[in-house]
């Protein structure tokens, strides 16, 4: 017996609590949306993004803790974990060609201290 596969095309999917309650998650795709690639936003009780998982047009996955457009606190990508404050990266743990690197920056995003993996 041949299975029938049904396809549903969606550019934006909103998940609400029962009975038209709060929006708890939003799945958005590229195209006419303002989102490049695909983005899944999990919302807190106030409706603000708590965790945003995104895959851009180039295929790189990124996880944001907090809203990626307003005061991101943590961004996790395949090669780095960045801590943000006031719109600037203040600390970063990342991989490099010659090992790992830990960097600390001032509030304006200027690197103040770097530690490299010793081999």
PDB file of N, CA and C in Angstrom:
ATOM      1  N   UNK A   1       0.840  -1.171   0.000  1.00  0.00           N
ATOM      2  CA  UNK A   1       0.000   0.000   0.000  1.00  0.00           C
ATOM      3  C   UNK A   1       0.890   1.241   0.000  1.00  0.00           C
ATOM      4  N   UNK A   2       0.575   2.160  -0.848  1.00  0.00           N
ATOM      5  CA  UNK A   2       1.326   3.394  -0.979  1.00  0.00           C
ATOM      6  C   UNK A   2       0.794   4.426   0.010  1.00  0.00           C
ATOM      7  N   UNK A   3       1.724   5.062   0.757  1.00  0.00           N
ATOM      8  CA  UNK A   3       1.323   6.106   1.701  1.00  0.00           C
ATOM      9  C   UNK A   3       1.163   7.423   0.969  1.00  0.00           C
ATOM     10  N   UNK A   4       0.132   8.143   1.327  1.00  0.00           N
ATOM     11  CA  UNK A   4      -0.049   9.481   0.779  1.00  0.00           C
ATOM     12  C   UNK A   4       0.636  10.473   1.712  1.00  0.00           C
ATOM     13  N   UNK A   5       1.426  11.318   1.128  1.00  0.00           N
ATOM     14  CA  UNK A   5       2.121  12.335   1.908  1.00  0.00           C
ATOM     15  C   UNK A   5       1.457  13.671   1.619  1.00  0.00           C
ATOM     16  N   UNK A   6       1.046  14.327   2.664  1.00  0.00           N
ATOM     17  CA  UNK A   6       0.422  15.634   2.532  1.00  0.00           C
ATOM     18  C   UNK A   6       1.435  16.688   2.935  1.00  0.00           C
ATOM     19  N   UNK A   7       1.464  17.743   2.196  1.00  0.00           N
ATOM     20  CA  UNK A   7       2.414  18.813   2.458  1.00  0.00           C
ATOM     21  C   UNK A   7       1.659  20.094   2.753  1.00  0.00           C
ATOM     22  N   UNK A   8       2.129  20.790   3.756  1.00  0.00           N
ATOM     23  CA  UNK A   8       1.542  22.056   4.149  1.00  0.00           C
ATOM     24  C   UNK A   8       2.641  23.107   4.064  1.00  0.00           C
ATOM     25  N   UNK A   9       2.425  24.162   3.334  1.00  0.00           N
ATOM     26  CA  UNK A   9       3.411  25.228   3.204  1.00  0.00           C
ATOM     27  C   UNK A   9       3.035  26.356   4.149  1.00  0.00           C
ATOM     28  N   UNK A  10       3.970  26.701   5.028  1.00  0.00           N
ATOM     29  CA  UNK A  10       3.719  27.722   6.042  1.00  0.00           C
ATOM     30  C   UNK A  10       4.915  28.660   6.093  1.00  0.00           C
ATOM     31  N   UNK A  11       4.681  29.950   6.082  1.00  0.00           N
ATOM     32  CA  UNK A  11       5.751  30.926   6.254  1.00  0.00           C
ATOM     33  C   UNK A  11       5.845  31.397   7.692  1.00  0.00           C
ATOM     34  N   UNK A  12       4.720  31.330   8.417  1.00  0.00           N
ATOM     35  CA  UNK A  12       4.718  31.730   9.828  1.00  0.00           C
ATOM     36  C   UNK A  12       3.678  30.897  10.551  1.00  0.00           C
ATOM     37  N   UNK A  13       4.121  30.205  11.588  1.00  0.00           N
ATOM     38  CA  UNK A  13       3.246  29.368  12.392  1.00  0.00           C
ATOM     39  C   UNK A  13       3.290  29.887  13.824  1.00  0.00           C
ATOM     40  N   UNK A  14       2.125  30.210  14.378  1.00  0.00           N
ATOM     41  CA  UNK A  14       2.023  30.739  15.739  1.00  0.00           C
ATOM     42  C   UNK A  14       1.378  29.688  16.616  1.00  0.00           C
ATOM     43  N   UNK A  15       2.002  29.399  17.743  1.00  0.00           N
ATOM     44  CA  UNK A  15       1.464  28.418  18.689  1.00  0.00           C
ATOM     45  C   UNK A  15       0.992  29.165  19.930  1.00  0.00           C
ATOM     46  N   UNK A  16      -0.294  29.024  20.232  1.00  0.00           N
ATOM     47  CA  UNK A  16      -0.914  29.714  21.367  1.00  0.00           C
ATOM     48  C   UNK A  16      -1.330  28.715  22.427  1.00  0.00           C
ATOM     49  N   UNK A  17      -1.521  29.246  23.630  1.00  0.00           N
ATOM     50  CA  UNK A  17      -2.144  28.459  24.679  1.00  0.00           C
ATOM     51  C   UNK A  17      -3.601  28.234  24.287  1.00  0.00           C
ATOM     52  N   UNK A  18      -4.279  27.240  24.829  1.00  0.00           N
ATOM     53  CA  UNK A  18      -5.678  26.974  24.467  1.00  0.00           C
ATOM     54  C   UNK A  18      -6.575  28.209  24.659  1.00  0.00           C
ATOM     55  N   UNK A  19      -7.636  28.235  23.889  1.00  0.00           N
ATOM     56  CA  UNK A  19      -8.656  29.290  23.963  1.00  0.00           C
ATOM     57  C   UNK A  19      -8.098  30.681  23.673  1.00  0.00           C
ATOM     58  N   UNK A  20      -7.296  30.792  22.608  1.00  0.00           N
ATOM     59  CA  UNK A  20      -6.731  32.074  22.169  1.00  0.00           C
ATOM     60  C   UNK A  20      -5.882  32.751  23.246  1.00  0.00           C
ATOM     61  N   UNK A  21      -5.175  31.945  24.010  1.00  0.00           N
ATOM     62  CA  UNK A  21      -4.318  32.477  25.069  1.00  0.00           C
ATOM     63  C   UNK A  21      -3.044  33.097  24.526  1.00  0.00           C
ATOM     64  N   UNK A  22      -2.052  33.165  25.395  1.00  0.00           N
ATOM     65  CA  UNK A  22      -0.777  33.788  25.031  1.00  0.00           C
ATOM     66  C   UNK A  22      -0.083  33.017  23.918  1.00  0.00           C
ATOM     67  N   UNK A  23       0.637  33.741  23.090  1.00  0.00           N
ATOM     68  CA  UNK A  23       1.486  33.101  22.080  1.00  0.00           C
ATOM     69  C   UNK A  23       2.719  32.579  22.805  1.00  0.00           C
ATOM     70  N   UNK A  24       3.041  31.304  22.607  1.00  0.00           N
ATOM     71  CA  UNK A  24       4.171  30.687  23.299  1.00  0.00           C
ATOM     72  C   UNK A  24       5.332  30.355  22.379  1.00  0.00           C
ATOM     73  N   UNK A  25       5.072  30.232  21.057  1.00  0.00           N
ATOM     74  CA  UNK A  25       6.144  29.937  20.113  1.00  0.00           C
ATOM     75  C   UNK A  25       5.751  30.450  18.732  1.00  0.00           C
ATOM     76  N   UNK A  26       6.781  30.812  17.959  1.00  0.00           N
ATOM     77  CA  UNK A  26       6.560  31.268  16.590  1.00  0.00           C
ATOM     78  C   UNK A  26       7.633  30.625  15.718  1.00  0.00           C
ATOM     79  N   UNK A  27       7.198  29.979  14.642  1.00  0.00           N
ATOM     80  CA  UNK A  27       8.097  29.402  13.656  1.00  0.00           C
ATOM     81  C   UNK A  27       7.966  30.233  12.392  1.00  0.00           C
ATOM     82  N   UNK A  28       9.087  30.802  11.921  1.00  0.00           N
ATOM     83  CA  UNK A  28       9.067  31.662  10.739  1.00  0.00           C
ATOM     84  C   UNK A  28      10.097  31.162   9.739  1.00  0.00           C
ATOM     85  N   UNK A  29       9.770  31.314   8.467  1.00  0.00           N
ATOM     86  CA  UNK A  29      10.709  30.932   7.419  1.00  0.00           C
ATOM     87  C   UNK A  29      11.017  32.135   6.554  1.00  0.00           C
ATOM     88  N   UNK A  30      12.081  32.015   5.762  1.00  0.00           N
ATOM     89  CA  UNK A  30      12.494  33.100   4.878  1.00  0.00           C
ATOM     90  C   UNK A  30      11.460  33.365   3.807  1.00  0.00           C
ATOM     91  N   UNK A  31      11.891  33.914   2.732  1.00  0.00           N
ATOM     92  CA  UNK A  31      10.951  34.286   1.679  1.00  0.00           C
ATOM     93  C   UNK A  31      10.532  35.722   1.873  1.00  0.00           C
ATOM     94  N   UNK A  32       9.238  35.956   1.960  1.00  0.00           N
ATOM     95  CA  UNK A  32       8.742  37.317   2.121  1.00  0.00           C
ATOM     96  C   UNK A  32       8.851  37.806   3.563  1.00  0.00           C
ATOM     97  N   UNK A  33       9.172  36.908   4.501  1.00  0.00           N
ATOM     98  CA  UNK A  33       9.303  37.298   5.910  1.00  0.00           C
ATOM     99  C   UNK A  33      10.577  38.113   6.120  1.00  0.00           C
ATOM    100  N   UNK A  34      10.641  38.776   7.239  1.00  0.00           N
ATOM    101  CA  UNK A  34      11.838  39.539   7.598  1.00  0.00           C
ATOM    102  C   UNK A  34      12.930  38.634   8.155  1.00  0.00           C
ATOM    103  N   UNK A  35      12.665  37.325   8.219  1.00  0.00           N
ATOM    104  CA  UNK A  35      13.597  36.366   8.810  1.00  0.00           C
ATOM    105  C   UNK A  35      14.387  35.663   7.709  1.00  0.00           C
ATOM    106  N   UNK A  36      15.724  35.727   7.768  1.00  0.00           N
ATOM    107  CA  UNK A  36      16.501  34.938   6.807  1.00  0.00           C
ATOM    108  C   UNK A  36      16.523  33.481   7.262  1.00  0.00           C
ATOM    109  N   UNK A  37      16.312  32.544   6.365  1.00  0.00           N
ATOM    110  CA  UNK A  37      16.344  31.131   6.742  1.00  0.00           C
ATOM    111  C   UNK A  37      15.116  30.735   7.529  1.00  0.00           C
ATOM    112  N   UNK A  38      15.350  30.064   8.667  1.00  0.00           N
ATOM    113  CA  UNK A  38      14.274  29.573   9.528  1.00  0.00           C
ATOM    114  C   UNK A  38      14.556  30.004  10.963  1.00  0.00           C
ATOM    115  N   UNK A  39      13.505  30.445  11.674  1.00  0.00           N
ATOM    116  CA  UNK A  39      13.668  30.868  13.073  1.00  0.00           C
ATOM    117  C   UNK A  39      12.528  30.304  13.905  1.00  0.00           C
ATOM    118  N   UNK A  40      12.887  29.698  15.048  1.00  0.00           N
ATOM    119  CA  UNK A  40      11.911  29.241  16.037  1.00  0.00           C
ATOM    120  C   UNK A  40      12.137  30.055  17.297  1.00  0.00           C
ATOM    121  N   UNK A  41      11.109  30.806  17.703  1.00  0.00           N
ATOM    122  CA  UNK A  41      11.187  31.632  18.909  1.00  0.00           C
ATOM    123  C   UNK A  41      10.287  31.028  19.976  1.00  0.00           C
ATOM    124  N   UNK A  42      10.842  30.744  21.145  1.00  0.00           N
ATOM    125  CA  UNK A  42      10.076  30.292  22.297  1.00  0.00           C
ATOM    126  C   UNK A  42       9.892  31.504  23.200  1.00  0.00           C
ATOM    127  N   UNK A  43       8.635  31.836  23.497  1.00  0.00           N
ATOM    128  CA  UNK A  43       8.324  33.082  24.193  1.00  0.00           C
ATOM    129  C   UNK A  43       8.057  32.863  25.675  1.00  0.00           C
ATOM    130  N   UNK A  44       8.440  33.862  26.482  1.00  0.00           N
ATOM    131  CA  UNK A  44       8.162  33.801  27.917  1.00  0.00           C
ATOM    132  C   UNK A  44       6.718  34.223  28.182  1.00  0.00           C
ATOM    133  N   UNK A  45       6.335  34.301  29.428  1.00  0.00           N
ATOM    134  CA  UNK A  45       4.955  34.621  29.798  1.00  0.00           C
ATOM    135  C   UNK A  45       4.530  36.026  29.363  1.00  0.00           C
ATOM    136  N   UNK A  46       5.488  36.933  29.164  1.00  0.00           N
ATOM    137  CA  UNK A  46       5.169  38.294  28.701  1.00  0.00           C
ATOM    138  C   UNK A  46       5.094  38.379  27.187  1.00  0.00           C
ATOM    139  N   UNK A  47       5.418  37.286  26.495  1.00  0.00           N
ATOM    140  CA  UNK A  47       5.423  37.290  25.038  1.00  0.00           C
ATOM    141  C   UNK A  47       6.749  37.699  24.434  1.00  0.00           C
ATOM    142  N   UNK A  48       7.779  37.818  25.254  1.00  0.00           N
ATOM    143  CA  UNK A  48       9.118  38.178  24.781  1.00  0.00           C
ATOM    144  C   UNK A  48       9.906  36.904  24.471  1.00  0.00           C
ATOM    145  N   UNK A  49      10.757  36.930  23.433  1.00  0.00           N
ATOM    146  CA  UNK A  49      11.565  35.750  23.118  1.00  0.00           C
ATOM    147  C   UNK A  49      12.501  35.389  24.266  1.00  0.00           C
ATOM    148  N   UNK A  50      12.409  34.151  24.717  1.00  0.00           N
ATOM    149  CA  UNK A  50      13.312  33.645  25.753  1.00  0.00           C
ATOM    150  C   UNK A  50      14.473  32.897  25.107  1.00  0.00           C
ATOM    151  N   UNK A  51      14.165  32.096  24.107  1.00  0.00           N
ATOM    152  CA  UNK A  51      15.178  31.366  23.342  1.00  0.00           C
ATOM    153  C   UNK A  51      14.791  31.457  21.871  1.00  0.00           C
ATOM    154  N   UNK A  52      15.764  31.794  21.040  1.00  0.00           N
ATOM    155  CA  UNK A  52      15.527  31.886  19.604  1.00  0.00           C
ATOM    156  C   UNK A  52      16.556  31.001  18.910  1.00  0.00           C
ATOM    157  N   UNK A  53      16.066  30.013  18.173  1.00  0.00           N
ATOM    158  CA  UNK A  53      16.925  29.123  17.405  1.00  0.00           C
ATOM    159  C   UNK A  53      16.761  29.488  15.944  1.00  0.00           C
ATOM    160  N   UNK A  54      17.872  29.666  15.255  1.00  0.00           N
ATOM    161  CA  UNK A  54      17.809  30.200  13.906  1.00  0.00           C
ATOM    162  C   UNK A  54      18.827  29.505  13.009  1.00  0.00           C
ATOM    163  N   UNK A  55      18.446  29.262  11.769  1.00  0.00           N
ATOM    164  CA  UNK A  55      19.373  28.784  10.745  1.00  0.00           C
ATOM    165  C   UNK A  55      19.259  29.770   9.597  1.00  0.00           C
ATOM    166  N   UNK A  56      20.345  30.478   9.320  1.00  0.00           N
ATOM    167  CA  UNK A  56      20.338  31.501   8.289  1.00  0.00           C
ATOM    168  C   UNK A  56      20.348  30.904   6.895  1.00  0.00           C
ATOM    169  N   UNK A  57      20.282  31.766   5.903  1.00  0.00           N
ATOM    170  CA  UNK A  57      20.284  31.327   4.512  1.00  0.00           C
ATOM    171  C   UNK A  57      21.525  30.508   4.167  1.00  0.00           C
ATOM    172  N   UNK A  58      22.636  30.805   4.820  1.00  0.00           N
ATOM    173  CA  UNK A  58      23.879  30.084   4.541  1.00  0.00           C
ATOM    174  C   UNK A  58      23.967  28.751   5.283  1.00  0.00           C
ATOM    175  N   UNK A  59      23.002  28.451   6.158  1.00  0.00           N
ATOM    176  CA  UNK A  59      22.938  27.162   6.841  1.00  0.00           C
ATOM    177  C   UNK A  59      23.594  27.109   8.201  1.00  0.00           C
ATOM    178  N   UNK A  60      24.101  28.221   8.711  1.00  0.00           N
ATOM    179  CA  UNK A  60      24.758  28.229  10.020  1.00  0.00           C
ATOM    180  C   UNK A  60      23.719  28.327  11.135  1.00  0.00           C
ATOM    181  N   UNK A  61      23.713  27.350  12.066  1.00  0.00           N
ATOM    182  CA  UNK A  61      22.765  27.412  13.179  1.00  0.00           C
ATOM    183  C   UNK A  61      23.256  28.345  14.276  1.00  0.00           C
ATOM    184  N   UNK A  62      22.323  29.059  14.902  1.00  0.00           N
ATOM    185  CA  UNK A  62      22.634  29.952  16.019  1.00  0.00           C
ATOM    186  C   UNK A  62      21.506  29.834  17.030  1.00  0.00           C
ATOM    187  N   UNK A  63      21.867  29.797  18.317  1.00  0.00           N
ATOM    188  CA  UNK A  63      20.881  29.812  19.397  1.00  0.00           C
ATOM    189  C   UNK A  63      21.106  31.077  20.203  1.00  0.00           C
ATOM    190  N   UNK A  64      20.042  31.865  20.388  1.00  0.00           N
ATOM    191  CA  UNK A  64      20.106  33.091  21.183  1.00  0.00           C
ATOM    192  C   UNK A  64      19.308  32.867  22.464  1.00  0.00           C
ATOM    193  N   UNK A  65      19.862  33.288  23.583  1.00  0.00           N
ATOM    194  CA  UNK A  65      19.102  33.340  24.829  1.00  0.00           C
ATOM    195  C   UNK A  65      18.726  34.799  24.986  1.00  0.00           C
ATOM    196  N   UNK A  66      17.443  35.092  24.893  1.00  0.00           N
ATOM    197  CA  UNK A  66      16.975  36.469  24.824  1.00  0.00           C
ATOM    198  C   UNK A  66      16.675  36.819  23.377  1.00  0.00           C
ATOM    199  N   UNK A  67      16.165  38.004  23.137  1.00  0.00           N
ATOM    200  CA  UNK A  67      15.793  38.438  21.786  1.00  0.00           C
ATOM    201  C   UNK A  67      17.048  38.764  20.991  1.00  0.00           C
ATOM    202  N   UNK A  68      17.211  38.209  19.781  1.00  0.00           N
ATOM    203  CA  UNK A  68      18.437  38.457  19.022  1.00  0.00           C
ATOM    204  C   UNK A  68      18.585  39.891  18.533  1.00  0.00           C
ATOM    205  N   UNK A  69      17.509  40.664  18.522  1.00  0.00           N
ATOM    206  CA  UNK A  69      17.587  42.042  18.034  1.00  0.00           C
ATOM    207  C   UNK A  69      17.655  43.079  19.150  1.00  0.00           C
ATOM    208  N   UNK A  70      17.438  42.651  20.383  1.00  0.00           N
ATOM    209  CA  UNK A  70      17.423  43.609  21.503  1.00  0.00           C
ATOM    210  C   UNK A  70      18.135  43.025  22.713  1.00  0.00           C
ATOM    211  N   UNK A  71      19.341  43.455  22.941  1.00  0.00           N
ATOM    212  CA  UNK A  71      20.048  43.078  24.160  1.00  0.00           C
ATOM    213  C   UNK A  71      20.270  41.598  24.336  1.00  0.00           C
ATOM    214  N   UNK A  72      20.788  40.937  23.315  1.00  0.00           N
ATOM    215  CA  UNK A  72      21.078  39.509  23.430  1.00  0.00           C
ATOM    216  C   UNK A  72      21.991  39.281  24.614  1.00  0.00           C
ATOM    217  N   UNK A  73      21.712  38.267  25.409  1.00  0.00           N
ATOM    218  CA  UNK A  73      22.563  37.959  26.539  1.00  0.00           C
ATOM    219  C   UNK A  73      23.566  36.868  26.219  1.00  0.00           C
ATOM    220  N   UNK A  74      23.161  35.860  25.445  1.00  0.00           N
ATOM    221  CA  UNK A  74      24.057  34.772  25.051  1.00  0.00           C
ATOM    222  C   UNK A  74      23.719  34.369  23.623  1.00  0.00           C
ATOM    223  N   UNK A  75      24.760  34.210  22.804  1.00  0.00           N
ATOM    224  CA  UNK A  75      24.592  33.685  21.454  1.00  0.00           C
ATOM    225  C   UNK A  75      25.493  32.473  21.320  1.00  0.00           C
ATOM    226  N   UNK A  76      24.916  31.356  20.863  1.00  0.00           N
ATOM    227  CA  UNK A  76      25.670  30.125  20.695  1.00  0.00           C
ATOM    228  C   UNK A  76      25.659  29.778  19.213  1.00  0.00           C
ATOM    229  N   UNK A  77      26.842  29.689  18.634  1.00  0.00           N
ATOM    230  CA  UNK A  77      26.974  29.310  17.229  1.00  0.00           C
ATOM    231  C   UNK A  77      27.910  28.103  17.151  1.00  0.00           C
ATOM    232  N   UNK A  78      28.097  27.517  15.978  1.00  0.00           N
ATOM    233  CA  UNK A  78      28.959  26.332  15.903  1.00  0.00           C
ATOM    234  C   UNK A  78      30.394  26.570  16.360  1.00  0.00           C
ATOM    235  N   UNK A  79      30.883  27.798  16.277  1.00  0.00           N
ATOM    236  CA  UNK A  79      32.280  28.036  16.632  1.00  0.00           C
ATOM    237  C   UNK A  79      32.494  28.911  17.858  1.00  0.00           C
ATOM    238  N   UNK A  80      31.399  29.411  18.481  1.00  0.00           N
ATOM    239  CA  UNK A  80      31.606  30.338  19.596  1.00  0.00           C
ATOM    240  C   UNK A  80      30.399  30.412  20.516  1.00  0.00           C
ATOM    241  N   UNK A  81      30.672  30.829  21.750  1.00  0.00           N
ATOM    242  CA  UNK A  81      29.643  31.230  22.708  1.00  0.00           C
ATOM    243  C   UNK A  81      30.000  32.656  23.096  1.00  0.00           C
ATOM    244  N   UNK A  82      29.086  33.604  22.797  1.00  0.00           N
ATOM    245  CA  UNK A  82      29.333  35.015  23.066  1.00  0.00           C
ATOM    246  C   UNK A  82      28.362  35.511  24.131  1.00  0.00           C
ATOM    247  N   UNK A  83      28.871  36.273  25.097  1.00  0.00           N
ATOM    248  CA  UNK A  83      28.049  36.918  26.121  1.00  0.00           C
ATOM    249  C   UNK A  83      27.946  38.392  25.759  1.00  0.00           C
ATOM    250  N   UNK A  84      26.716  38.905  25.780  1.00  0.00           N
ATOM    251  CA  UNK A  84      26.443  40.276  25.357  1.00  0.00           C
ATOM    252  C   UNK A  84      25.974  41.128  26.520  1.00  0.00           C
ATOM    253  N   UNK A  85      26.295  42.413  26.455  1.00  0.00           N
ATOM    254  CA  UNK A  85      25.764  43.408  27.393  1.00  0.00           C
ATOM    255  C   UNK A  85      25.768  44.743  26.680  1.00  0.00           C
ATOM    256  N   UNK A  86      24.662  45.449  26.739  1.00  0.00           N
ATOM    257  CA  UNK A  86      24.571  46.765  26.123  1.00  0.00           C
ATOM    258  C   UNK A  86      24.829  46.762  24.625  1.00  0.00           C
ATOM    259  N   UNK A  87      24.498  45.685  23.939  1.00  0.00           N
ATOM    260  CA  UNK A  87      24.679  45.616  22.497  1.00  0.00           C
ATOM    261  C   UNK A  87      26.068  45.251  22.032  1.00  0.00           C
ATOM    262  N   UNK A  88      26.977  44.890  22.966  1.00  0.00           N
ATOM    263  CA  UNK A  88      28.346  44.522  22.598  1.00  0.00           C
ATOM    264  C   UNK A  88      28.704  43.168  23.202  1.00  0.00           C
ATOM    265  N   UNK A  89      29.585  42.451  22.512  1.00  0.00           N
ATOM    266  CA  UNK A  89      30.111  41.207  23.070  1.00  0.00           C
ATOM    267  C   UNK A  89      31.092  41.575  24.177  1.00  0.00           C
ATOM    268  N   UNK A  90      30.883  41.041  25.383  1.00  0.00           N
ATOM    269  CA  UNK A  90      31.781  41.336  26.501  1.00  0.00           C
ATOM    270  C   UNK A  90      32.654  40.146  26.869  1.00  0.00           C
ATOM    271  N   UNK A  91      32.269  38.949  26.422  1.00  0.00           N
ATOM    272  CA  UNK A  91      33.096  37.768  26.640  1.00  0.00           C
ATOM    273  C   UNK A  91      32.771  36.756  25.556  1.00  0.00           C
ATOM    274  N   UNK A  92      33.799  36.003  25.160  1.00  0.00           N
ATOM    275  CA  UNK A  92      33.614  35.036  24.089  1.00  0.00           C
ATOM    276  C   UNK A  92      34.504  33.835  24.323  1.00  0.00           C
ATOM    277  N   UNK A  93      33.965  32.659  24.094  1.00  0.00           N
ATOM    278  CA  UNK A  93      34.740  31.423  24.066  1.00  0.00           C
ATOM    279  C   UNK A  93      34.541  30.887  22.659  1.00  0.00           C
ATOM    280  N   UNK A  94      35.639  30.752  21.908  1.00  0.00           N
ATOM    281  CA  UNK A  94      35.480  30.325  20.520  1.00  0.00           C
ATOM    282  C   UNK A  94      36.632  29.432  20.095  1.00  0.00           C
ATOM    283  N   UNK A  95      36.384  28.711  19.031  1.00  0.00           N
ATOM    284  CA  UNK A  95      37.436  27.878  18.466  1.00  0.00           C
ATOM    285  C   UNK A  95      38.155  28.678  17.391  1.00  0.00           C
ATOM    286  N   UNK A  96      39.409  28.329  17.205  1.00  0.00           N
ATOM    287  CA  UNK A  96      40.196  28.958  16.142  1.00  0.00           C
ATOM    288  C   UNK A  96      41.019  27.860  15.480  1.00  0.00           C
ATOM    289  N   UNK A  97      41.727  28.209  14.431  1.00  0.00           N
ATOM    290  CA  UNK A  97      42.517  27.214  13.711  1.00  0.00           C
ATOM    291  C   UNK A  97      43.585  26.584  14.583  1.00  0.00           C
ATOM    292  N   UNK A  98      44.094  27.320  15.553  1.00  0.00           N
ATOM    293  CA  UNK A  98      45.162  26.792  16.401  1.00  0.00           C
ATOM    294  C   UNK A  98      44.688  26.443  17.810  1.00  0.00           C
ATOM    295  N   UNK A  99      43.389  26.226  17.996  1.00  0.00           N
ATOM    296  CA  UNK A  99      42.854  25.832  19.302  1.00  0.00           C
ATOM    297  C   UNK A  99      41.755  26.755  19.761  1.00  0.00           C
ATOM    298  N   UNK A 100      41.497  26.750  21.062  1.00  0.00           N
ATOM    299  CA  UNK A 100      40.441  27.575  21.625  1.00  0.00           C
ATOM    300  C   UNK A 100      40.942  28.918  22.105  1.00  0.00           C
ATOM    301  N   UNK A 101      40.023  29.883  22.178  1.00  0.00           N
ATOM    302  CA  UNK A 101      40.358  31.237  22.613  1.00  0.00           C
ATOM    303  C   UNK A 101      39.253  31.719  23.548  1.00  0.00           C
ATOM    304  N   UNK A 102      39.664  32.346  24.654  1.00  0.00           N
ATOM    305  CA  UNK A 102      38.728  33.026  25.541  1.00  0.00           C
ATOM    306  C   UNK A 102      39.086  34.497  25.500  1.00  0.00           C
ATOM    307  N   UNK A 103      38.096  35.348  25.232  1.00  0.00           N
ATOM    308  CA  UNK A 103      38.336  36.785  25.163  1.00  0.00           C
ATOM    309  C   UNK A 103      37.363  37.505  26.080  1.00  0.00           C
ATOM    310  N   UNK A 104      37.855  38.543  26.722  1.00  0.00           N
ATOM    311  CA  UNK A 104      37.017  39.405  27.556  1.00  0.00           C
ATOM    312  C   UNK A 104      37.137  40.809  26.990  1.00  0.00           C
ATOM    313  N   UNK A 105      35.989  41.503  26.885  1.00  0.00           N
ATOM    314  CA  UNK A 105      35.981  42.843  26.311  1.00  0.00           C
ATOM    315  C   UNK A 105      35.373  43.833  27.296  1.00  0.00           C
ATOM    316  N   UNK A 106      35.629  45.107  27.055  1.00  0.00           N
ATOM    317  CA  UNK A 106      35.005  46.134  27.873  1.00  0.00           C
ATOM    318  C   UNK A 106      33.572  46.361  27.381  1.00  0.00           C
ATOM    319  N   UNK A 107      32.865  47.270  27.991  1.00  0.00           N
ATOM    320  CA  UNK A 107      31.473  47.518  27.645  1.00  0.00           C
ATOM    321  C   UNK A 107      31.257  48.071  26.249  1.00  0.00           C
ATOM    322  N   UNK A 108      32.338  48.513  25.584  1.00  0.00           N
ATOM    323  CA  UNK A 108      32.230  49.036  24.221  1.00  0.00           C
ATOM    324  C   UNK A 108      32.636  48.000  23.180  1.00  0.00           C
ATOM    325  N   UNK A 109      32.880  46.761  23.602  1.00  0.00           N
ATOM    326  CA  UNK A 109      33.230  45.698  22.665  1.00  0.00           C
ATOM    327  C   UNK A 109      34.705  45.610  22.321  1.00  0.00           C
ATOM    328  N   UNK A 110      35.565  46.406  22.992  1.00  0.00           N
ATOM    329  CA  UNK A 110      37.011  46.332  22.738  1.00  0.00           C
ATOM    330  C   UNK A 110      37.614  45.226  23.591  1.00  0.00           C
ATOM    331  N   UNK A 111      38.369  44.338  22.936  1.00  0.00           N
ATOM    332  CA  UNK A 111      38.993  43.211  23.638  1.00  0.00           C
ATOM    333  C   UNK A 111      40.008  43.730  24.650  1.00  0.00           C
ATOM    334  N   UNK A 112      39.887  43.292  25.904  1.00  0.00           N
ATOM    335  CA  UNK A 112      40.817  43.728  26.949  1.00  0.00           C
ATOM    336  C   UNK A 112      41.747  42.608  27.411  1.00  0.00           C
ATOM    337  N   UNK A 113      41.342  41.366  27.191  1.00  0.00           N
ATOM    338  CA  UNK A 113      42.164  40.231  27.651  1.00  0.00           C
ATOM    339  C   UNK A 113      41.862  39.017  26.784  1.00  0.00           C
ATOM    340  N   UNK A 114      42.912  38.273  26.404  1.00  0.00           N
ATOM    341  CA  UNK A 114      42.754  37.081  25.578  1.00  0.00           C
ATOM    342  C   UNK A 114      43.588  35.949  26.167  1.00  0.00           C
ATOM    343  N   UNK A 115      42.961  34.779  26.235  1.00  0.00           N
ATOM    344  CA  UNK A 115      43.675  33.574  26.655  1.00  0.00           C
ATOM    345  C   UNK A 115      43.558  32.551  25.529  1.00  0.00           C
ATOM    346  N   UNK A 116      44.693  32.008  25.091  1.00  0.00           N
ATOM    347  CA  UNK A 116      44.689  31.004  24.031  1.00  0.00           C
ATOM    348  C   UNK A 116      45.030  29.640  24.615  1.00  0.00           C
ATOM    349  N   UNK A 117      44.494  28.615  23.968  1.00  0.00           N
ATOM    350  CA  UNK A 117      44.790  27.243  24.373  1.00  0.00           C
ATOM    351  C   UNK A 117      46.265  26.986  24.182  1.00  0.00           C
ATOM    352  N   UNK A 118      46.895  26.392  25.178  1.00  0.00           N
ATOM    353  CA  UNK A 118      48.312  26.053  25.063  1.00  0.00           C
ATOM    354  C   UNK A 118      48.456  24.627  24.563  1.00  0.00           C
ATOM    355  N   UNK A 119      49.373  24.445  23.671  1.00  0.00           N
ATOM    356  CA  UNK A 119      49.606  23.095  23.117  1.00  0.00           C
ATOM    357  C   UNK A 119      50.987  22.641  23.410  1.00  0.00           C
TER     358      UNK A 119
END
